[in-house]
Amino acid sequence: MGEVVFCLTGWNVPLFFFENNAPKVLSLAVKKADDAYIVFVPLK
């Protein structure tokens, strides 16, 4: 699978999800044209 790149020039709301006081997932709200998505990025 190729690399996916998101341009966050629209509105975005970063949220971190924690487990045992360690960040596990980064969540971003992304708007593209008339569509809106929530992107989840697992953190190592």
PDB file of N, CA and C in Angstrom:
ATOM      1  N   MET A   1       0.846  -1.174   0.000  1.00  0.00           N
ATOM      2  CA  MET A   1       0.000   0.000   0.000  1.00  0.00           C
ATOM      3  C   MET A   1       0.889   1.233   0.000  1.00  0.00           C
ATOM      4  N   GLY A   2       0.495   2.255  -0.756  1.00  0.00           N
ATOM      5  CA  GLY A   2       1.284   3.469  -0.842  1.00  0.00           C
ATOM      6  C   GLY A   2       1.076   4.378   0.351  1.00  0.00           C
ATOM      7  N   GLU A   3       1.845   5.425   0.408  1.00  0.00           N
ATOM      8  CA  GLU A   3       1.764   6.396   1.488  1.00  0.00           C
ATOM      9  C   GLU A   3       0.546   7.287   1.301  1.00  0.00           C
ATOM     10  N   VAL A   4      -0.150   7.580   2.369  1.00  0.00           N
ATOM     11  CA  VAL A   4      -1.315   8.459   2.331  1.00  0.00           C
ATOM     12  C   VAL A   4      -0.935   9.769   2.991  1.00  0.00           C
ATOM     13  N   VAL A   5      -1.214  10.879   2.306  1.00  0.00           N
ATOM     14  CA  VAL A   5      -0.880  12.194   2.832  1.00  0.00           C
ATOM     15  C   VAL A   5      -2.157  13.015   2.929  1.00  0.00           C
ATOM     16  N   PHE A   6      -2.411  13.583   4.104  1.00  0.00           N
ATOM     17  CA  PHE A   6      -3.559  14.454   4.297  1.00  0.00           C
ATOM     18  C   PHE A   6      -3.074  15.880   4.457  1.00  0.00           C
ATOM     19  N   CYS A   7      -3.695  16.785   3.766  1.00  0.00           N
ATOM     20  CA  CYS A   7      -3.397  18.208   3.921  1.00  0.00           C
ATOM     21  C   CYS A   7      -4.419  18.782   4.894  1.00  0.00           C
ATOM     22  N   LEU A   8      -3.973  19.224   6.051  1.00  0.00           N
ATOM     23  CA  LEU A   8      -4.879  19.685   7.100  1.00  0.00           C
ATOM     24  C   LEU A   8      -5.057  21.189   7.050  1.00  0.00           C
ATOM     25  N   THR A   9      -5.508  21.700   5.904  1.00  0.00           N
ATOM     26  CA  THR A   9      -5.711  23.135   5.789  1.00  0.00           C
ATOM     27  C   THR A   9      -7.117  23.531   6.221  1.00  0.00           C
ATOM     28  N   GLY A  10      -8.052  22.554   6.240  1.00  0.00           N
ATOM     29  CA  GLY A  10      -9.399  22.817   6.741  1.00  0.00           C
ATOM     30  C   GLY A  10      -9.398  22.765   8.252  1.00  0.00           C
ATOM     31  N   TRP A  11     -10.556  22.601   8.824  1.00  0.00           N
ATOM     32  CA  TRP A  11     -10.645  22.496  10.288  1.00  0.00           C
ATOM     33  C   TRP A  11     -10.182  21.119  10.714  1.00  0.00           C
ATOM     34  N   ASN A  12      -9.552  21.050  11.822  1.00  0.00           N
ATOM     35  CA  ASN A  12      -9.148  19.760  12.373  1.00  0.00           C
ATOM     36  C   ASN A  12      -9.119  19.864  13.889  1.00  0.00           C
ATOM     37  N   VAL A  13      -9.433  18.782  14.550  1.00  0.00           N
ATOM     38  CA  VAL A  13      -9.482  18.740  16.006  1.00  0.00           C
ATOM     39  C   VAL A  13      -8.652  17.549  16.452  1.00  0.00           C
ATOM     40  N   PRO A  14      -7.405  17.764  16.858  1.00  0.00           N
ATOM     41  CA  PRO A  14      -6.597  16.623  17.289  1.00  0.00           C
ATOM     42  C   PRO A  14      -7.006  16.146  18.684  1.00  0.00           C
ATOM     43  N   LEU A  15      -7.164  14.843  18.826  1.00  0.00           N
ATOM     44  CA  LEU A  15      -7.457  14.224  20.112  1.00  0.00           C
ATOM     45  C   LEU A  15      -6.517  13.047  20.309  1.00  0.00           C
ATOM     46  N   PHE A  16      -6.033  12.876  21.514  1.00  0.00           N
ATOM     47  CA  PHE A  16      -5.198  11.732  21.848  1.00  0.00           C
ATOM     48  C   PHE A  16      -5.990  10.780  22.725  1.00  0.00           C
ATOM     49  N   PHE A  17      -5.898   9.493  22.436  1.00  0.00           N
ATOM     50  CA  PHE A  17      -6.500   8.466  23.264  1.00  0.00           C
ATOM     51  C   PHE A  17      -5.383   7.786  24.043  1.00  0.00           C
ATOM     52  N   PHE A  18      -5.570   7.697  25.361  1.00  0.00           N
ATOM     53  CA  PHE A  18      -4.548   7.157  26.249  1.00  0.00           C
ATOM     54  C   PHE A  18      -4.962   5.805  26.811  1.00  0.00           C
ATOM     55  N   GLU A  19      -3.976   4.964  27.035  1.00  0.00           N
ATOM     56  CA  GLU A  19      -4.169   3.694  27.731  1.00  0.00           C
ATOM     57  C   GLU A  19      -3.006   3.544  28.701  1.00  0.00           C
ATOM     58  N   ASN A  20      -3.304   3.368  29.976  1.00  0.00           N
ATOM     59  CA  ASN A  20      -2.265   3.274  31.010  1.00  0.00           C
ATOM     60  C   ASN A  20      -1.343   4.492  30.976  1.00  0.00           C
ATOM     61  N   ASN A  21      -1.926   5.666  30.848  1.00  0.00           N
ATOM     62  CA  ASN A  21      -1.199   6.948  30.825  1.00  0.00           C
ATOM     63  C   ASN A  21      -0.216   7.085  29.667  1.00  0.00           C
ATOM     64  N   ALA A  22      -0.382   6.303  28.613  1.00  0.00           N
ATOM     65  CA  ALA A  22       0.473   6.410  27.425  1.00  0.00           C
ATOM     66  C   ALA A  22      -0.413   6.676  26.211  1.00  0.00           C
ATOM     67  N   PRO A  23      -0.049   7.635  25.355  1.00  0.00           N
ATOM     68  CA  PRO A  23      -0.852   7.902  24.167  1.00  0.00           C
ATOM     69  C   PRO A  23      -0.807   6.710  23.203  1.00  0.00           C
ATOM     70  N   LYS A  24      -1.969   6.278  22.751  1.00  0.00           N
ATOM     71  CA  LYS A  24      -2.055   5.111  21.870  1.00  0.00           C
ATOM     72  C   LYS A  24      -2.560   5.462  20.473  1.00  0.00           C
ATOM     73  N   VAL A  25      -3.471   6.452  20.381  1.00  0.00           N
ATOM     74  CA  VAL A  25      -4.083   6.787  19.088  1.00  0.00           C
ATOM     75  C   VAL A  25      -4.246   8.298  19.004  1.00  0.00           C
ATOM     76  N   LEU A  26      -3.943   8.846  17.833  1.00  0.00           N
ATOM     77  CA  LEU A  26      -4.201  10.244  17.525  1.00  0.00           C
ATOM     78  C   LEU A  26      -5.401  10.281  16.599  1.00  0.00           C
ATOM     79  N   SER A  27      -6.379  11.108  16.910  1.00  0.00           N
ATOM     80  CA  SER A  27      -7.589  11.226  16.099  1.00  0.00           C
ATOM     81  C   SER A  27      -7.672  12.647  15.561  1.00  0.00           C
ATOM     82  N   LEU A  28      -7.950  12.769  14.265  1.00  0.00           N
ATOM     83  CA  LEU A  28      -8.090  14.076  13.615  1.00  0.00           C
ATOM     84  C   LEU A  28      -9.400  14.130  12.847  1.00  0.00           C
ATOM     85  N   ALA A  29     -10.094  15.243  12.950  1.00  0.00           N
ATOM     86  CA  ALA A  29     -11.263  15.479  12.104  1.00  0.00           C
ATOM     87  C   ALA A  29     -10.769  16.236  10.878  1.00  0.00           C
ATOM     88  N   VAL A  30     -11.088  15.716   9.699  1.00  0.00           N
ATOM     89  CA  VAL A  30     -10.585  16.288   8.449  1.00  0.00           C
ATOM     90  C   VAL A  30     -11.755  16.556   7.523  1.00  0.00           C
ATOM     91  N   LYS A  31     -11.767  17.725   6.892  1.00  0.00           N
ATOM     92  CA  LYS A  31     -12.817  18.071   5.946  1.00  0.00           C
ATOM     93  C   LYS A  31     -12.216  18.162   4.556  1.00  0.00           C
ATOM     94  N   LYS A  32     -12.854  17.478   3.598  1.00  0.00           N
ATOM     95  CA  LYS A  32     -12.411  17.509   2.203  1.00  0.00           C
ATOM     96  C   LYS A  32     -13.640  17.797   1.352  1.00  0.00           C
ATOM     97  N   ALA A  33     -13.667  18.995   0.774  1.00  0.00           N
ATOM     98  CA  ALA A  33     -14.828  19.465  -0.004  1.00  0.00           C
ATOM     99  C   ALA A  33     -16.060  19.430   0.903  1.00  0.00           C
ATOM    100  N   ASP A  34     -17.094  18.702   0.507  1.00  0.00           N
ATOM    101  CA  ASP A  34     -18.311  18.617   1.314  1.00  0.00           C
ATOM    102  C   ASP A  34     -18.303  17.420   2.257  1.00  0.00           C
ATOM    103  N   ASP A  35     -17.229  16.637   2.267  1.00  0.00           N
ATOM    104  CA  ASP A  35     -17.153  15.434   3.086  1.00  0.00           C
ATOM    105  C   ASP A  35     -16.302  15.695   4.323  1.00  0.00           C
ATOM    106  N   ALA A  36     -16.636  15.009   5.404  1.00  0.00           N
ATOM    107  CA  ALA A  36     -15.855  15.098   6.638  1.00  0.00           C
ATOM    108  C   ALA A  36     -15.498  13.689   7.083  1.00  0.00           C
ATOM    109  N   TYR A  37     -14.296  13.543   7.615  1.00  0.00           N
ATOM    110  CA  TYR A  37     -13.786  12.240   8.026  1.00  0.00           C
ATOM    111  C   TYR A  37     -13.148  12.350   9.397  1.00  0.00           C
ATOM    112  N   ILE A  38     -13.110  11.248  10.121  1.00  0.00           N
ATOM    113  CA  ILE A  38     -12.302  11.162  11.333  1.00  0.00           C
ATOM    114  C   ILE A  38     -11.185  10.169  11.022  1.00  0.00           C
ATOM    115  N   VAL A  39      -9.952  10.617  11.164  1.00  0.00           N
ATOM    116  CA  VAL A  39      -8.777   9.806  10.851  1.00  0.00           C
ATOM    117  C   VAL A  39      -8.139   9.361  12.159  1.00  0.00           C
ATOM    118  N   PHE A  40      -7.910   8.065  12.289  1.00  0.00           N
ATOM    119  CA  PHE A  40      -7.264   7.512  13.472  1.00  0.00           C
ATOM    120  C   PHE A  40      -5.852   7.061  13.106  1.00  0.00           C
ATOM    121  N   VAL A  41      -4.871   7.570  13.844  1.00  0.00           N
ATOM    122  CA  VAL A  41      -3.469   7.244  13.590  1.00  0.00           C
ATOM    123  C   VAL A  41      -2.913   6.524  14.818  1.00  0.00           C
ATOM    124  N   PRO A  42      -2.581   5.227  14.682  1.00  0.00           N
ATOM    125  CA  PRO A  42      -2.009   4.533  15.826  1.00  0.00           C
ATOM    126  C   PRO A  42      -0.602   5.046  16.126  1.00  0.00           C
ATOM    127  N   LEU A  43      -0.316   5.219  17.408  1.00  0.00           N
ATOM    128  CA  LEU A  43       0.995   5.701  17.827  1.00  0.00           C
ATOM    129  C   LEU A  43       1.799   4.549  18.392  1.00  0.00           C
ATOM    130  N   LYS A  44       3.082   4.514  18.070  1.00  0.00           N
ATOM    131  CA  LYS A  44       3.947   3.439  18.563  1.00  0.00           C
ATOM    132  C   LYS A  44       4.580   3.824  19.863  1.00  0.00           C
TER     133      LYS A  44
END
